[in-house]
C-alpha atoms as a PDB file:
ATOM      1  CA  UNK A   1      10.641  50.729 -47.642  1.00  0.00           C
ATOM      2  CA  UNK A   2       9.049  49.679 -50.509  1.00  0.00           C
ATOM      3  CA  UNK A   3       5.615  50.713 -48.647  1.00  0.00           C
ATOM      4  CA  UNK A   4       7.127  54.267 -48.270  1.00  0.00           C
ATOM      5  CA  UNK A   5       7.759  54.525 -51.911  1.00  0.00           C
ATOM      6  CA  UNK A   6       4.640  53.430 -52.570  1.00  0.00           C
ATOM      7  CA  UNK A   7       2.763  56.373 -50.420  1.00  0.00           C
ATOM      8  CA  UNK A   8       4.796  58.781 -52.200  1.00  0.00           C
ATOM      9  CA  UNK A   9       3.744  57.605 -55.681  1.00  0.00           C
ATOM     10  CA  UNK A  10       0.234  57.990 -54.722  1.00  0.00           C
ATOM     11  CA  UNK A  11       0.942  61.436 -53.354  1.00  0.00           C
ATOM     12  CA  UNK A  12       2.426  62.609 -56.493  1.00  0.00           C
ATOM     13  CA  UNK A  13      -0.494  61.223 -58.574  1.00  0.00           C
ATOM     14  CA  UNK A  14      -2.991  63.395 -56.245  1.00  0.00           C
ATOM     15  CA  UNK A  15      -0.481  66.525 -56.426  1.00  0.00           C
ATOM     16  CA  UNK A  16      -0.779  66.605 -60.291  1.00  0.00           C
ATOM     17  CA  UNK A  17      -4.436  66.240 -60.161  1.00  0.00           C
ATOM     18  CA  UNK A  18      -4.757  68.711 -57.879  1.00  0.00           C
ATOM     19  CA  UNK A  19      -2.641  71.224 -60.095  1.00  0.00           C
ATOM     20  CA  UNK A  20      -4.551  70.247 -62.946  1.00  0.00           C
ATOM     21  CA  UNK A  21      -8.104  71.790 -61.345  1.00  0.00           C
ATOM     22  CA  UNK A  22      -6.354  74.670 -59.941  1.00  0.00           C
ATOM     23  CA  UNK A  23      -6.737  78.588 -61.312  1.00  0.00           C
ATOM     24  CA  UNK A  24      -2.866  79.356 -61.129  1.00  0.00           C
ATOM     25  CA  UNK A  25      -1.044  78.281 -64.217  1.00  0.00           C
ATOM     26  CA  UNK A  26       2.363  78.675 -62.786  1.00  0.00           C
ATOM     27  CA  UNK A  27       1.629  76.600 -59.964  1.00  0.00           C
ATOM     28  CA  UNK A  28       0.291  74.205 -62.029  1.00  0.00           C
ATOM     29  CA  UNK A  29       3.611  73.738 -64.090  1.00  0.00           C
ATOM     30  CA  UNK A  30       5.493  73.619 -61.127  1.00  0.00           C
ATOM     31  CA  UNK A  31       3.484  70.780 -59.836  1.00  0.00           C
ATOM     32  CA  UNK A  32       3.259  69.107 -62.719  1.00  0.00           C
ATOM     33  CA  UNK A  33       7.174  68.986 -63.300  1.00  0.00           C
ATOM     34  CA  UNK A  34       7.691  68.554 -59.445  1.00  0.00           C
ATOM     35  CA  UNK A  35       5.380  65.407 -59.591  1.00  0.00           C
ATOM     36  CA  UNK A  36       6.653  64.052 -62.762  1.00  0.00           C
ATOM     37  CA  UNK A  37      10.078  64.011 -61.486  1.00  0.00           C
ATOM     38  CA  UNK A  38       9.442  62.449 -58.377  1.00  0.00           C
ATOM     39  CA  UNK A  39       7.066  60.110 -60.350  1.00  0.00           C
ATOM     40  CA  UNK A  40      10.103  58.859 -62.808  1.00  0.00           C
ATOM     41  CA  UNK A  41      12.231  58.265 -59.518  1.00  0.00           C
ATOM     42  CA  UNK A  42       9.585  55.958 -58.279  1.00  0.00           C
ATOM     43  CA  UNK A  43       8.845  54.565 -61.306  1.00  0.00           C
ATOM     44  CA  UNK A  44      12.540  52.756 -61.216  1.00  0.00           C
ATOM     45  CA  UNK A  45      11.149  50.911 -58.512  1.00  0.00           C
ATOM     46  CA  UNK A  46       9.725  47.451 -58.979  1.00  0.00           C
ATOM     47  CA  UNK A  47       6.216  47.360 -58.089  1.00  0.00           C
ATOM     48  CA  UNK A  48       3.876  44.151 -58.118  1.00  0.00           C
ATOM     49  CA  UNK A  49      -0.220  43.982 -58.186  1.00  0.00           C
ATOM     50  CA  UNK A  50      -1.523  41.991 -55.714  1.00  0.00           C
ATOM     51  CA  UNK A  51      -5.303  40.875 -55.777  1.00  0.00           C
ATOM     52  CA  UNK A  52      -6.532  39.339 -52.733  1.00  0.00           C
ATOM     53  CA  UNK A  53     -10.142  37.666 -52.771  1.00  0.00           C
ATOM     54  CA  UNK A  54     -11.775  37.062 -49.573  1.00  0.00           C
ATOM     55  CA  UNK A  55     -14.456  34.399 -49.404  1.00  0.00           C
ATOM     56  CA  UNK A  56     -16.727  33.894 -46.751  1.00  0.00           C
ATOM     57  CA  UNK A  57     -17.075  30.326 -45.848  1.00  0.00           C
ATOM     58  CA  UNK A  58     -19.756  28.970 -43.275  1.00  0.00           C
ATOM     59  CA  UNK A  59     -19.417  25.710 -41.551  1.00  0.00           C
ATOM     60  CA  UNK A  60     -22.130  23.416 -41.941  1.00  0.00           C
ATOM     61  CA  UNK A  61     -23.239  23.759 -38.247  1.00  0.00           C
ATOM     62  CA  UNK A  62     -23.632  27.300 -38.579  1.00  0.00           C
ATOM     63  CA  UNK A  63     -25.814  26.990 -41.906  1.00  0.00           C
ATOM     64  CA  UNK A  64     -28.028  24.276 -39.738  1.00  0.00           C
ATOM     65  CA  UNK A  65     -28.031  27.181 -36.814  1.00  0.00           C
ATOM     66  CA  UNK A  66     -28.881  29.817 -39.148  1.00  0.00           C
ATOM     67  CA  UNK A  67     -32.002  28.141 -40.376  1.00  0.00           C
ATOM     68  CA  UNK A  68     -33.184  27.368 -36.977  1.00  0.00           C
ATOM     69  CA  UNK A  69     -36.824  28.561 -36.566  1.00  0.00           C
ATOM     70  CA  UNK A  70     -37.242  27.827 -32.562  1.00  0.00           C
ATOM     71  CA  UNK A  71     -35.398  25.742 -29.809  1.00  0.00           C
ATOM     72  CA  UNK A  72     -36.825  22.927 -27.725  1.00  0.00           C
ATOM     73  CA  UNK A  73     -37.347  23.074 -24.221  1.00  0.00           C
ATOM     74  CA  UNK A  74     -34.009  22.949 -22.104  1.00  0.00           C
ATOM     75  CA  UNK A  75     -33.934  20.084 -19.435  1.00  0.00           C
ATOM     76  CA  UNK A  76     -31.235  20.678 -16.711  1.00  0.00           C
ATOM     77  CA  UNK A  77     -30.019  17.827 -14.832  1.00  0.00           C
ATOM     78  CA  UNK A  78     -28.446  18.071 -11.423  1.00  0.00           C
ATOM     79  CA  UNK A  79     -26.038  15.819  -9.649  1.00  0.00           C
ATOM     80  CA  UNK A  80     -24.004  15.791  -6.303  1.00  0.00           C
ATOM     81  CA  UNK A  81     -20.564  14.533  -5.885  1.00  0.00           C
ATOM     82  CA  UNK A  82     -19.229  13.353  -2.788  1.00  0.00           C
ATOM     83  CA  UNK A  83     -15.819  15.501  -2.307  1.00  0.00           C
ATOM     84  CA  UNK A  84     -13.485  14.038   0.059  1.00  0.00           C
ATOM     85  CA  UNK A  85     -11.101  16.258   2.249  1.00  0.00           C
ATOM     86  CA  UNK A  86      -7.690  16.107   1.757  1.00  0.00           C
ATOM     87  CA  UNK A  87      -7.018  12.664   3.322  1.00  0.00           C
ATOM     88  CA  UNK A  88      -3.789  13.925   5.068  1.00  0.00           C
ATOM     89  CA  UNK A  89      -5.754  16.253   7.027  1.00  0.00           C
ATOM     90  CA  UNK A  90      -8.536  13.745   8.161  1.00  0.00           C
ATOM     91  CA  UNK A  91      -8.802  12.990  11.956  1.00  0.00           C
ATOM     92  CA  UNK A  92     -10.492  10.125  13.725  1.00  0.00           C
ATOM     93  CA  UNK A  93     -13.612  10.985  15.718  1.00  0.00           C
ATOM     94  CA  UNK A  94     -14.524   7.833  18.223  1.00  0.00           C
ATOM     95  CA  UNK A  95     -18.245   7.282  17.551  1.00  0.00           C
ATOM     96  CA  UNK A  96     -18.343   3.598  19.307  1.00  0.00           C
ATOM     97  CA  UNK A  97     -16.612   1.107  21.437  1.00  0.00           C
ATOM     98  CA  UNK A  98     -17.132  -2.546  22.305  1.00  0.00           C
ATOM     99  CA  UNK A  99     -15.618  -5.473  23.543  1.00  0.00           C
ATOM    100  CA  UNK A 100     -15.952  -9.308  23.003  1.00  0.00           C
ATOM    101  CA  UNK A 101     -15.910 -12.131  25.388  1.00  0.00           C
ATOM    102  CA  UNK A 102     -16.378 -14.944  23.004  1.00  0.00           C
ATOM    103  CA  UNK A 103     -12.693 -15.310  21.997  1.00  0.00           C
ATOM    104  CA  UNK A 104     -10.215 -13.143  20.354  1.00  0.00           C
ATOM    105  CA  UNK A 105     -10.740 -11.141  17.393  1.00  0.00           C
ATOM    106  CA  UNK A 106      -8.713 -12.209  14.020  1.00  0.00           C
ATOM    107  CA  UNK A 107     -10.039 -10.558  11.394  1.00  0.00           C
ATOM    108  CA  UNK A 108     -13.265  -8.533   9.950  1.00  0.00           C
ATOM    109  CA  UNK A 109     -14.800  -6.423   6.958  1.00  0.00           C
ATOM    110  CA  UNK A 110     -17.529  -4.005   6.304  1.00  0.00           C
ATOM    111  CA  UNK A 111     -20.343  -5.557   3.911  1.00  0.00           C
ATOM    112  CA  UNK A 112     -21.956  -3.892   1.226  1.00  0.00           C
ATOM    113  CA  UNK A 113     -25.137  -3.764   3.057  1.00  0.00           C
ATOM    114  CA  UNK A 114     -23.687  -1.522   5.875  1.00  0.00           C
ATOM    115  CA  UNK A 115     -22.984  -4.588   8.495  1.00  0.00           C
ATOM    116  CA  UNK A 116     -19.661  -5.190   9.709  1.00  0.00           C
ATOM    117  CA  UNK A 117     -18.655  -8.770  10.362  1.00  0.00           C
ATOM    118  CA  UNK A 118     -15.616 -10.270  12.302  1.00  0.00           C
ATOM    119  CA  UNK A 119     -14.103 -13.652  13.209  1.00  0.00           C
ATOM    120  CA  UNK A 120     -13.128 -14.681  16.612  1.00  0.00           C
ATOM    121  CA  UNK A 121     -11.494 -17.762  18.121  1.00  0.00           C
ATOM    122  CA  UNK A 122     -11.260 -19.604  21.373  1.00  0.00           C
ATOM    123  CA  UNK A 123      -8.251 -21.062  22.935  1.00  0.00           C
ATOM    124  CA  UNK A 124      -7.729 -24.800  22.093  1.00  0.00           C
ATOM    125  CA  UNK A 125      -7.293 -27.110  19.231  1.00  0.00           C
ATOM    126  CA  UNK A 126      -7.828 -25.704  15.867  1.00  0.00           C
ATOM    127  CA  UNK A 127      -9.747 -28.685  14.688  1.00  0.00           C
ATOM    128  CA  UNK A 128     -12.642 -27.862  17.053  1.00  0.00           C
ATOM    129  CA  UNK A 129     -15.700 -26.353  15.528  1.00  0.00           C
ATOM    130  CA  UNK A 130     -16.799 -23.815  18.329  1.00  0.00           C
ATOM    131  CA  UNK A 131     -15.792 -20.535  17.087  1.00  0.00           C
ATOM    132  CA  UNK A 132     -18.010 -17.852  15.986  1.00  0.00           C
ATOM    133  CA  UNK A 133     -18.203 -15.032  13.609  1.00  0.00           C
ATOM    134  CA  UNK A 134     -20.416 -11.768  14.534  1.00  0.00           C
ATOM    135  CA  UNK A 135     -22.466  -9.791  12.604  1.00  0.00           C
ATOM    136  CA  UNK A 136     -22.962  -6.009  13.907  1.00  0.00           C
ATOM    137  CA  UNK A 137     -25.682  -3.561  12.167  1.00  0.00           C
ATOM    138  CA  UNK A 138     -24.831   0.006  10.903  1.00  0.00           C
ATOM    139  CA  UNK A 139     -25.869   0.876  14.553  1.00  0.00           C
ATOM    140  CA  UNK A 140     -23.258  -1.363  16.042  1.00  0.00           C
ATOM    141  CA  UNK A 141     -25.950  -3.623  17.561  1.00  0.00           C
ATOM    142  CA  UNK A 142     -24.956  -7.440  17.353  1.00  0.00           C
ATOM    143  CA  UNK A 143     -27.608  -9.023  15.274  1.00  0.00           C
ATOM    144  CA  UNK A 144     -26.146 -12.418  14.075  1.00  0.00           C
ATOM    145  CA  UNK A 145     -23.846 -14.994  15.539  1.00  0.00           C
ATOM    146  CA  UNK A 146     -22.394 -17.613  12.907  1.00  0.00           C
ATOM    147  CA  UNK A 147     -21.690 -20.812  14.904  1.00  0.00           C
ATOM    148  CA  UNK A 148     -19.853 -24.113  14.082  1.00  0.00           C
ATOM    149  CA  UNK A 149     -16.570 -22.831  12.751  1.00  0.00           C
ATOM    150  CA  UNK A 150     -13.216 -24.410  13.209  1.00  0.00           C
ATOM    151  CA  UNK A 151     -10.793 -21.268  13.670  1.00  0.00           C
ATOM    152  CA  UNK A 152     -12.173 -18.679  11.638  1.00  0.00           C
ATOM    153  CA  UNK A 153      -9.922 -16.024  10.315  1.00  0.00           C
ATOM    154  CA  UNK A 154     -10.188 -13.966   6.824  1.00  0.00           C
ATOM    155  CA  UNK A 155     -13.453 -12.560   5.418  1.00  0.00           C
ATOM    156  CA  UNK A 156     -14.076 -11.600   2.087  1.00  0.00           C
ATOM    157  CA  UNK A 157     -17.423 -10.434   0.391  1.00  0.00           C
ATOM    158  CA  UNK A 158     -18.091 -11.496  -3.199  1.00  0.00           C
ATOM    159  CA  UNK A 159     -21.099 -10.419  -4.624  1.00  0.00           C
ATOM    160  CA  UNK A 160     -24.279 -11.838  -2.611  1.00  0.00           C
ATOM    161  CA  UNK A 161     -21.873 -14.218  -0.679  1.00  0.00           C
ATOM    162  CA  UNK A 162     -19.506 -13.801   2.233  1.00  0.00           C
ATOM    163  CA  UNK A 163     -16.428 -15.963   2.295  1.00  0.00           C
ATOM    164  CA  UNK A 164     -15.057 -16.986   5.594  1.00  0.00           C
ATOM    165  CA  UNK A 165     -11.613 -19.002   5.394  1.00  0.00           C
ATOM    166  CA  UNK A 166     -11.127 -21.274   8.377  1.00  0.00           C
ATOM    167  CA  UNK A 167      -7.789 -22.224   9.571  1.00  0.00           C
ATOM    168  CA  UNK A 168      -8.869 -25.283  11.626  1.00  0.00           C
ATOM    169  CA  UNK A 169     -10.666 -27.312   9.035  1.00  0.00           C
ATOM    170  CA  UNK A 170      -9.056 -26.033   5.898  1.00  0.00           C
ATOM    171  CA  UNK A 171     -11.970 -24.957   4.286  1.00  0.00           C
ATOM    172  CA  UNK A 172     -13.842 -21.425   2.748  1.00  0.00           C
ATOM    173  CA  UNK A 173     -17.521 -21.243   3.878  1.00  0.00           C
ATOM    174  CA  UNK A 174     -19.514 -19.710   1.879  1.00  0.00           C
ATOM    175  CA  UNK A 175     -22.463 -17.883   3.305  1.00  0.00           C
ATOM    176  CA  UNK A 176     -25.434 -15.899   2.033  1.00  0.00           C
ATOM    177  CA  UNK A 177     -25.418 -11.964   2.515  1.00  0.00           C
ATOM    178  CA  UNK A 178     -28.717 -11.971   3.204  1.00  0.00           C
ATOM    179  CA  UNK A 179     -29.364 -14.951   5.714  1.00  0.00           C
ATOM    180  CA  UNK A 180     -25.623 -16.015   6.445  1.00  0.00           C
ATOM    181  CA  UNK A 181     -26.863 -19.418   5.878  1.00  0.00           C
ATOM    182  CA  UNK A 182     -24.375 -21.907   4.288  1.00  0.00           C
ATOM    183  CA  UNK A 183     -24.470 -22.121   0.572  1.00  0.00           C
ATOM    184  CA  UNK A 184     -21.548 -24.452  -0.014  1.00  0.00           C
ATOM    185  CA  UNK A 185     -18.166 -25.394   1.303  1.00  0.00           C
ATOM    186  CA  UNK A 186     -14.777 -25.262  -0.723  1.00  0.00           C
ATOM    187  CA  UNK A 187     -11.955 -27.452   0.457  1.00  0.00           C
ATOM    188  CA  UNK A 188      -8.199 -26.171   0.273  1.00  0.00           C
ATOM    189  CA  UNK A 189      -5.039 -27.950   0.659  1.00  0.00           C
ATOM    190  CA  UNK A 190      -3.687 -25.893   3.408  1.00  0.00           C
ATOM    191  CA  UNK A 191      -4.679 -23.896   6.373  1.00  0.00           C
ATOM    192  CA  UNK A 192      -5.945 -20.780   5.381  1.00  0.00           C
ATOM    193  CA  UNK A 193      -5.744 -17.523   7.217  1.00  0.00           C
ATOM    194  CA  UNK A 194      -6.432 -14.315   5.123  1.00  0.00           C
ATOM    195  CA  UNK A 195      -8.309 -14.356   1.808  1.00  0.00           C
ATOM    196  CA  UNK A 196      -8.436 -11.940  -1.218  1.00  0.00           C
ATOM    197  CA  UNK A 197     -10.121 -12.189  -4.462  1.00  0.00           C
ATOM    198  CA  UNK A 198      -8.596 -10.936  -7.900  1.00  0.00           C
ATOM    199  CA  UNK A 199      -9.420 -11.536 -11.615  1.00  0.00           C
ATOM    200  CA  UNK A 200     -11.448 -14.760 -10.851  1.00  0.00           C
ATOM    201  CA  UNK A 201      -9.136 -16.164  -8.334  1.00  0.00           C
ATOM    202  CA  UNK A 202      -8.892 -16.680  -4.775  1.00  0.00           C
ATOM    203  CA  UNK A 203      -5.343 -15.705  -2.809  1.00  0.00           C
ATOM    204  CA  UNK A 204      -5.119 -17.451   0.229  1.00  0.00           C
ATOM    205  CA  UNK A 205      -2.486 -16.379   3.058  1.00  0.00           C
ATOM    206  CA  UNK A 206      -1.265 -19.556   4.461  1.00  0.00           C
ATOM    207  CA  UNK A 207       1.522 -18.433   6.993  1.00  0.00           C
ATOM    208  CA  UNK A 208       4.518 -19.316   4.747  1.00  0.00           C
ATOM    209  CA  UNK A 209       2.812 -18.842   1.005  1.00  0.00           C
ATOM    210  CA  UNK A 210       0.494 -17.391  -0.849  1.00  0.00           C
ATOM    211  CA  UNK A 211      -1.802 -19.974  -2.832  1.00  0.00           C
ATOM    212  CA  UNK A 212      -3.524 -18.891  -5.749  1.00  0.00           C
ATOM    213  CA  UNK A 213      -6.934 -21.130  -6.196  1.00  0.00           C
ATOM    214  CA  UNK A 214      -9.567 -20.972  -8.762  1.00  0.00           C
ATOM    215  CA  UNK A 215     -13.660 -20.838  -7.810  1.00  0.00           C
ATOM    216  CA  UNK A 216     -13.709 -24.598  -7.109  1.00  0.00           C
ATOM    217  CA  UNK A 217     -10.592 -24.372  -4.829  1.00  0.00           C
ATOM    218  CA  UNK A 218      -7.885 -26.034  -7.158  1.00  0.00           C
ATOM    219  CA  UNK A 219      -4.517 -25.072  -6.662  1.00  0.00           C
ATOM    220  CA  UNK A 220      -3.321 -22.903  -9.588  1.00  0.00           C
ATOM    221  CA  UNK A 221      -0.112 -21.920  -8.078  1.00  0.00           C
ATOM    222  CA  UNK A 222       1.781 -20.813  -5.043  1.00  0.00           C
ATOM    223  CA  UNK A 223       4.310 -18.164  -3.976  1.00  0.00           C
ATOM    224  CA  UNK A 224       6.818 -18.613  -1.180  1.00  0.00           C
ATOM    225  CA  UNK A 225       6.645 -15.873   1.169  1.00  0.00           C
ATOM    226  CA  UNK A 226       8.521 -16.717   4.335  1.00  0.00           C
ATOM    227  CA  UNK A 227       6.561 -17.167   7.787  1.00  0.00           C
ATOM    228  CA  UNK A 228       4.056 -15.046   9.524  1.00  0.00           C
ATOM    229  CA  UNK A 229       1.953 -14.148   6.334  1.00  0.00           C
ATOM    230  CA  UNK A 230      -1.631 -14.234   7.420  1.00  0.00           C
ATOM    231  CA  UNK A 231      -3.284 -10.827   6.525  1.00  0.00           C
ATOM    232  CA  UNK A 232      -4.050 -10.235   2.668  1.00  0.00           C
ATOM    233  CA  UNK A 233      -5.930  -7.545   0.428  1.00  0.00           C
ATOM    234  CA  UNK A 234      -6.337  -6.901  -3.089  1.00  0.00           C
ATOM    235  CA  UNK A 235      -6.332  -3.810  -5.008  1.00  0.00           C
ATOM    236  CA  UNK A 236      -8.052  -3.523  -8.652  1.00  0.00           C
ATOM    237  CA  UNK A 237      -4.798  -4.903  -9.969  1.00  0.00           C
ATOM    238  CA  UNK A 238      -2.448  -6.481  -7.323  1.00  0.00           C
ATOM    239  CA  UNK A 239      -2.382  -8.442  -3.803  1.00  0.00           C
ATOM    240  CA  UNK A 240      -0.841  -6.706  -1.140  1.00  0.00           C
ATOM    241  CA  UNK A 241       0.211  -8.830   2.148  1.00  0.00           C
ATOM    242  CA  UNK A 242       2.423  -8.092   5.229  1.00  0.00           C
ATOM    243  CA  UNK A 243       5.231 -10.581   6.820  1.00  0.00           C
ATOM    244  CA  UNK A 244       5.085  -9.490  10.597  1.00  0.00           C
ATOM    245  CA  UNK A 245       9.024 -11.172  11.208  1.00  0.00           C
ATOM    246  CA  UNK A 246      10.616  -9.299   8.489  1.00  0.00           C
ATOM    247  CA  UNK A 247       8.088  -5.852   9.043  1.00  0.00           C
ATOM    248  CA  UNK A 248       7.742  -5.912   5.067  1.00  0.00           C
ATOM    249  CA  UNK A 249       4.802  -4.874   3.241  1.00  0.00           C
ATOM    250  CA  UNK A 250       4.610  -6.599  -0.463  1.00  0.00           C
ATOM    251  CA  UNK A 251       2.860  -6.085  -3.276  1.00  0.00           C
ATOM    252  CA  UNK A 252       2.564  -8.590  -6.112  1.00  0.00           C
ATOM    253  CA  UNK A 253       0.664  -9.218  -9.292  1.00  0.00           C
ATOM    254  CA  UNK A 254      -1.736 -12.024  -9.817  1.00  0.00           C
ATOM    255  CA  UNK A 255       1.371 -14.044 -11.457  1.00  0.00           C
ATOM    256  CA  UNK A 256       3.220 -13.973  -8.167  1.00  0.00           C
ATOM    257  CA  UNK A 257       5.774 -11.391  -9.338  1.00  0.00           C
ATOM    258  CA  UNK A 258       6.798  -8.574  -7.064  1.00  0.00           C
ATOM    259  CA  UNK A 259       5.839  -5.276  -8.046  1.00  0.00           C
ATOM    260  CA  UNK A 260       7.099  -3.322  -4.577  1.00  0.00           C
ATOM    261  CA  UNK A 261       7.793  -3.471  -1.337  1.00  0.00           C
ATOM    262  CA  UNK A 262       7.547  -1.203   1.816  1.00  0.00           C
ATOM    263  CA  UNK A 263       9.362  -0.985   5.238  1.00  0.00           C
ATOM    264  CA  UNK A 264       9.832   1.814   7.716  1.00  0.00           C
ATOM    265  CA  UNK A 265      11.414   2.044  10.977  1.00  0.00           C
ATOM    266  CA  UNK A 266       7.868   3.032  12.355  1.00  0.00           C
ATOM    267  CA  UNK A 267       6.229  -0.065  11.153  1.00  0.00           C
ATOM    268  CA  UNK A 268       6.811  -3.139  13.116  1.00  0.00           C
ATOM    269  CA  UNK A 269       4.844  -6.265  13.022  1.00  0.00           C
ATOM    270  CA  UNK A 270       2.443  -5.503   9.917  1.00  0.00           C
ATOM    271  CA  UNK A 271      -0.656  -7.168  10.846  1.00  0.00           C
ATOM    272  CA  UNK A 272      -4.093  -6.287   9.540  1.00  0.00           C
ATOM    273  CA  UNK A 273      -4.455  -5.085   5.863  1.00  0.00           C
ATOM    274  CA  UNK A 274      -7.341  -3.688   4.122  1.00  0.00           C
ATOM    275  CA  UNK A 275      -7.953  -1.102   1.181  1.00  0.00           C
ATOM    276  CA  UNK A 276     -10.361   1.574   0.721  1.00  0.00           C
ATOM    277  CA  UNK A 277     -12.420   2.677  -2.695  1.00  0.00           C
ATOM    278  CA  UNK A 278      -9.308   4.564  -3.852  1.00  0.00           C
ATOM    279  CA  UNK A 279      -7.214   1.593  -3.662  1.00  0.00           C
ATOM    280  CA  UNK A 280      -5.545   3.125  -0.397  1.00  0.00           C
ATOM    281  CA  UNK A 281      -3.513   0.472   1.552  1.00  0.00           C
ATOM    282  CA  UNK A 282      -3.762   0.521   5.591  1.00  0.00           C
ATOM    283  CA  UNK A 283      -1.473  -1.689   7.443  1.00  0.00           C
ATOM    284  CA  UNK A 284      -1.886  -2.077  11.160  1.00  0.00           C
ATOM    285  CA  UNK A 285       1.429  -1.842  12.857  1.00  0.00           C
ATOM    286  CA  UNK A 286       0.864  -4.450  15.947  1.00  0.00           C
ATOM    287  CA  UNK A 287       3.818  -3.530  17.802  1.00  0.00           C
ATOM    288  CA  UNK A 288       4.256  -0.035  16.583  1.00  0.00           C
ATOM    289  CA  UNK A 289       1.145   1.150  17.905  1.00  0.00           C
ATOM    290  CA  UNK A 290      -0.176   2.854  14.515  1.00  0.00           C
ATOM    291  CA  UNK A 291      -1.606   2.227  10.886  1.00  0.00           C
ATOM    292  CA  UNK A 292       0.231   3.140   8.065  1.00  0.00           C
ATOM    293  CA  UNK A 293      -1.661   4.344   4.828  1.00  0.00           C
ATOM    294  CA  UNK A 294      -0.090   3.577   1.620  1.00  0.00           C
ATOM    295  CA  UNK A 295      -0.969   4.539  -2.027  1.00  0.00           C
ATOM    296  CA  UNK A 296      -1.548   1.600  -4.445  1.00  0.00           C
ATOM    297  CA  UNK A 297       2.103   2.298  -5.611  1.00  0.00           C
ATOM    298  CA  UNK A 298       3.457   1.641  -2.408  1.00  0.00           C
ATOM    299  CA  UNK A 299       4.038   5.282  -1.210  1.00  0.00           C
ATOM    300  CA  UNK A 300       3.450   6.681   2.542  1.00  0.00           C
ATOM    301  CA  UNK A 301       0.166   8.867   2.671  1.00  0.00           C
ATOM    302  CA  UNK A 302       0.061   9.304   6.293  1.00  0.00           C
ATOM    303  CA  UNK A 303       0.517   7.419   9.686  1.00  0.00           C
ATOM    304  CA  UNK A 304      -2.318   7.493  12.298  1.00  0.00           C
ATOM    305  CA  UNK A 305      -0.292   7.194  15.472  1.00  0.00           C
ATOM    306  CA  UNK A 306      -1.168   6.197  19.247  1.00  0.00           C
ATOM    307  CA  UNK A 307      -3.511   3.397  18.303  1.00  0.00           C
ATOM    308  CA  UNK A 308      -2.618   0.558  20.968  1.00  0.00           C
ATOM    309  CA  UNK A 309      -1.720  -2.773  19.327  1.00  0.00           C
ATOM    310  CA  UNK A 310      -4.060  -2.987  16.242  1.00  0.00           C
ATOM    311  CA  UNK A 311      -4.871  -6.077  14.809  1.00  0.00           C
ATOM    312  CA  UNK A 312      -6.650  -4.282  11.844  1.00  0.00           C
ATOM    313  CA  UNK A 313      -8.234  -1.088  10.546  1.00  0.00           C
ATOM    314  CA  UNK A 314     -11.241  -1.578   8.246  1.00  0.00           C
ATOM    315  CA  UNK A 315     -12.427   0.806   6.018  1.00  0.00           C
ATOM    316  CA  UNK A 316     -16.197   1.245   4.793  1.00  0.00           C
ATOM    317  CA  UNK A 317     -16.965   1.533   1.236  1.00  0.00           C
ATOM    318  CA  UNK A 318     -17.415   5.259   1.363  1.00  0.00           C
ATOM    319  CA  UNK A 319     -14.497   5.976   3.749  1.00  0.00           C
ATOM    320  CA  UNK A 320     -16.632   7.668   6.278  1.00  0.00           C
ATOM    321  CA  UNK A 321     -15.764   5.159   8.928  1.00  0.00           C
ATOM    322  CA  UNK A 322     -13.410   2.502  10.252  1.00  0.00           C
ATOM    323  CA  UNK A 323     -13.510  -0.175  12.648  1.00  0.00           C
ATOM    324  CA  UNK A 324      -9.994  -0.805  14.568  1.00  0.00           C
ATOM    325  CA  UNK A 325      -9.328  -3.801  16.796  1.00  0.00           C
ATOM    326  CA  UNK A 326      -7.012  -3.642  19.623  1.00  0.00           C
ATOM    327  CA  UNK A 327      -5.493  -6.411  21.749  1.00  0.00           C
ATOM    328  CA  UNK A 328      -7.854  -9.007  19.727  1.00  0.00           C
ATOM    329  CA  UNK A 329     -10.574  -7.997  22.185  1.00  0.00           C
ATOM    330  CA  UNK A 330     -11.228  -4.282  21.819  1.00  0.00           C
ATOM    331  CA  UNK A 331     -13.106  -2.598  18.774  1.00  0.00           C
ATOM    332  CA  UNK A 332     -13.479   0.946  18.365  1.00  0.00           C
ATOM    333  CA  UNK A 333     -15.228   2.729  15.836  1.00  0.00           C
ATOM    334  CA  UNK A 334     -14.099   5.804  14.201  1.00  0.00           C
ATOM    335  CA  UNK A 335     -15.465   8.569  11.816  1.00  0.00           C
ATOM    336  CA  UNK A 336     -13.155  10.276   9.475  1.00  0.00           C
ATOM    337  CA  UNK A 337     -13.264  13.905   9.878  1.00  0.00           C
END
């Protein structure tokens, strides 16, 4: 409303000024009195004079840009990221299969040099030292046999060392990744099966408990788990293991506190356990003929079905291949597609 009155006031002023410059005296008088009447009415309104000053202010960086005389040469860096397909849609494509007659397969793992190593055990007394581990190249040719082991089971790589947990002799044999020659032997207090490493400590699966030991083999603590706990793995933050009798997969922290548990009617006798670079967890259902893939939070991602009696599914570092052991004898290599 105030804006409309202001426009009328301007109109009156222009009207009087136009009449002043005209040639008709009668028109001048009429415009003058009409304009003055309107002006007096508008003058009763309260108008305020507002002065607005607009100042241009430049940021310092703009001043620098405005003062540039020339630009240096531009250098372009290119990089390629490995974009993984939706994991739920990946399929397994068989690329190689073989079997072993040296004994039944117990556990295995991919190494950072691209090789795959697995442990075997012959029937007989655990105390004997006539069992072996076998090393296969990326072309799946046997390149090395590690002998004189007593019931080897869990295998774990730590830097340039390969650690083999031996159930019969209650030791961890430490081998060189380059030559597989023995570096040292770490003695432990109990028969050891699977082995994992987290936050500068070893975690040993010892059938009815998980034992936490330091790098010299001294026990720090143990956690009762119930019998039939032999396979174990470590994510970035936690320890994950399966119990073949209760069909339960459990995650705990380094202090032995439970974080989550997973069970399913379609998972029976959880056996080998592994994790990939994204901390997804692979649980082999020995008696359900499948492999359950879980997130690091214990949520089911997918199930690989129709895998006969899997002992384990081990994943390479790039999650391009996996090795599945079945019936403790047959090993099949699959490519993720």
